[in-house]
């Protein structure tokens, strides 16, 4: 049985340097004119999602939203 990977959009307050996020595979970083950053990435499981969100929290980056977009 193949494990399903889900695509997530994570919006944070402030512009993040894409180089700080190189460890996240297949990540798309989009800097918005309003100052937000949108991160879109396939996340293999809840543990990986939690790890990414915890890392952002530890950096003190305000989280705006987390949205599951679609199945890959």
C-alpha atoms as a PDB file:
ATOM      1  CA  UNK A   1       0.000   0.000   0.000  1.00  0.00           C
ATOM      2  CA  UNK A   2       1.514   3.310  -1.127  1.00  0.00           C
ATOM      3  CA  UNK A   3       1.671   6.099   1.422  1.00  0.00           C
ATOM      4  CA  UNK A   4      -0.055   9.283   0.276  1.00  0.00           C
ATOM      5  CA  UNK A   5       1.891  12.559   0.227  1.00  0.00           C
ATOM      6  CA  UNK A   6      -0.166  15.691   0.771  1.00  0.00           C
ATOM      7  CA  UNK A   7       0.559  19.165  -0.565  1.00  0.00           C
ATOM      8  CA  UNK A   8       0.421  21.937   2.024  1.00  0.00           C
ATOM      9  CA  UNK A   9       0.439  25.725   1.836  1.00  0.00           C
ATOM     10  CA  UNK A  10       1.928  27.414   4.890  1.00  0.00           C
ATOM     11  CA  UNK A  11       1.634  31.188   5.120  1.00  0.00           C
ATOM     12  CA  UNK A  12       3.846  33.052   7.579  1.00  0.00           C
ATOM     13  CA  UNK A  13       4.195  36.703   8.492  1.00  0.00           C
ATOM     14  CA  UNK A  14       7.380  38.250   7.175  1.00  0.00           C
ATOM     15  CA  UNK A  15       9.716  37.496   4.306  1.00  0.00           C
ATOM     16  CA  UNK A  16      11.857  34.402   4.841  1.00  0.00           C
ATOM     17  CA  UNK A  17      15.189  33.931   3.132  1.00  0.00           C
ATOM     18  CA  UNK A  18      14.698  30.895   0.838  1.00  0.00           C
ATOM     19  CA  UNK A  19      18.253  29.731   1.666  1.00  0.00           C
ATOM     20  CA  UNK A  20      17.134  29.031   5.255  1.00  0.00           C
ATOM     21  CA  UNK A  21      14.597  26.554   3.923  1.00  0.00           C
ATOM     22  CA  UNK A  22      16.830  24.504   1.606  1.00  0.00           C
ATOM     23  CA  UNK A  23      16.508  21.423   3.812  1.00  0.00           C
ATOM     24  CA  UNK A  24      12.812  21.086   2.884  1.00  0.00           C
ATOM     25  CA  UNK A  25      12.593  18.997  -0.298  1.00  0.00           C
ATOM     26  CA  UNK A  26      10.528  20.295  -3.228  1.00  0.00           C
ATOM     27  CA  UNK A  27       9.646  23.513  -1.386  1.00  0.00           C
ATOM     28  CA  UNK A  28       8.304  26.506  -3.296  1.00  0.00           C
ATOM     29  CA  UNK A  29       8.852  29.840  -1.552  1.00  0.00           C
ATOM     30  CA  UNK A  30       6.790  32.826  -2.657  1.00  0.00           C
ATOM     31  CA  UNK A  31       7.395  36.277  -1.150  1.00  0.00           C
ATOM     32  CA  UNK A  32       4.170  38.301  -1.170  1.00  0.00           C
ATOM     33  CA  UNK A  33       3.886  42.098  -1.603  1.00  0.00           C
ATOM     34  CA  UNK A  34       2.077  42.361   1.747  1.00  0.00           C
ATOM     35  CA  UNK A  35       5.158  41.013   3.561  1.00  0.00           C
ATOM     36  CA  UNK A  36       3.985  37.414   3.966  1.00  0.00           C
ATOM     37  CA  UNK A  37       5.821  34.335   2.726  1.00  0.00           C
ATOM     38  CA  UNK A  38       3.932  31.390   1.251  1.00  0.00           C
ATOM     39  CA  UNK A  39       5.582  27.987   1.479  1.00  0.00           C
ATOM     40  CA  UNK A  40       4.176  25.145  -0.619  1.00  0.00           C
ATOM     41  CA  UNK A  41       5.589  21.653  -0.222  1.00  0.00           C
ATOM     42  CA  UNK A  42       4.631  18.006  -0.386  1.00  0.00           C
ATOM     43  CA  UNK A  43       4.615  16.757   3.209  1.00  0.00           C
ATOM     44  CA  UNK A  44       4.845  12.974   3.601  1.00  0.00           C
ATOM     45  CA  UNK A  45       3.155  12.694   7.009  1.00  0.00           C
ATOM     46  CA  UNK A  46       1.922  14.528  10.098  1.00  0.00           C
ATOM     47  CA  UNK A  47       5.285  14.116  11.800  1.00  0.00           C
ATOM     48  CA  UNK A  48       7.046  15.987   8.976  1.00  0.00           C
ATOM     49  CA  UNK A  49       4.408  18.733   9.049  1.00  0.00           C
ATOM     50  CA  UNK A  50       4.794  19.067  12.800  1.00  0.00           C
ATOM     51  CA  UNK A  51       8.577  19.260  12.409  1.00  0.00           C
ATOM     52  CA  UNK A  52       8.343  22.095   9.884  1.00  0.00           C
ATOM     53  CA  UNK A  53       5.802  24.013  11.973  1.00  0.00           C
ATOM     54  CA  UNK A  54       7.900  23.512  15.136  1.00  0.00           C
ATOM     55  CA  UNK A  55      10.993  24.812  13.334  1.00  0.00           C
ATOM     56  CA  UNK A  56       9.106  27.957  12.275  1.00  0.00           C
ATOM     57  CA  UNK A  57       7.817  28.382  15.837  1.00  0.00           C
ATOM     58  CA  UNK A  58      11.315  28.002  17.288  1.00  0.00           C
ATOM     59  CA  UNK A  59      12.511  30.786  14.972  1.00  0.00           C
ATOM     60  CA  UNK A  60       9.721  33.022  16.274  1.00  0.00           C
ATOM     61  CA  UNK A  61       8.072  33.332  12.863  1.00  0.00           C
ATOM     62  CA  UNK A  62       4.366  34.178  13.177  1.00  0.00           C
ATOM     63  CA  UNK A  63       2.183  31.585  11.470  1.00  0.00           C
ATOM     64  CA  UNK A  64      -0.731  32.972   9.457  1.00  0.00           C
ATOM     65  CA  UNK A  65      -2.301  29.761   8.124  1.00  0.00           C
ATOM     66  CA  UNK A  66      -1.794  26.127   7.174  1.00  0.00           C
ATOM     67  CA  UNK A  67      -3.901  24.683   4.384  1.00  0.00           C
ATOM     68  CA  UNK A  68      -3.896  21.256   2.737  1.00  0.00           C
ATOM     69  CA  UNK A  69      -4.141  21.905  -0.983  1.00  0.00           C
ATOM     70  CA  UNK A  70      -4.447  18.590  -2.798  1.00  0.00           C
ATOM     71  CA  UNK A  71      -3.243  15.036  -2.958  1.00  0.00           C
ATOM     72  CA  UNK A  72      -0.194  14.330  -5.100  1.00  0.00           C
END
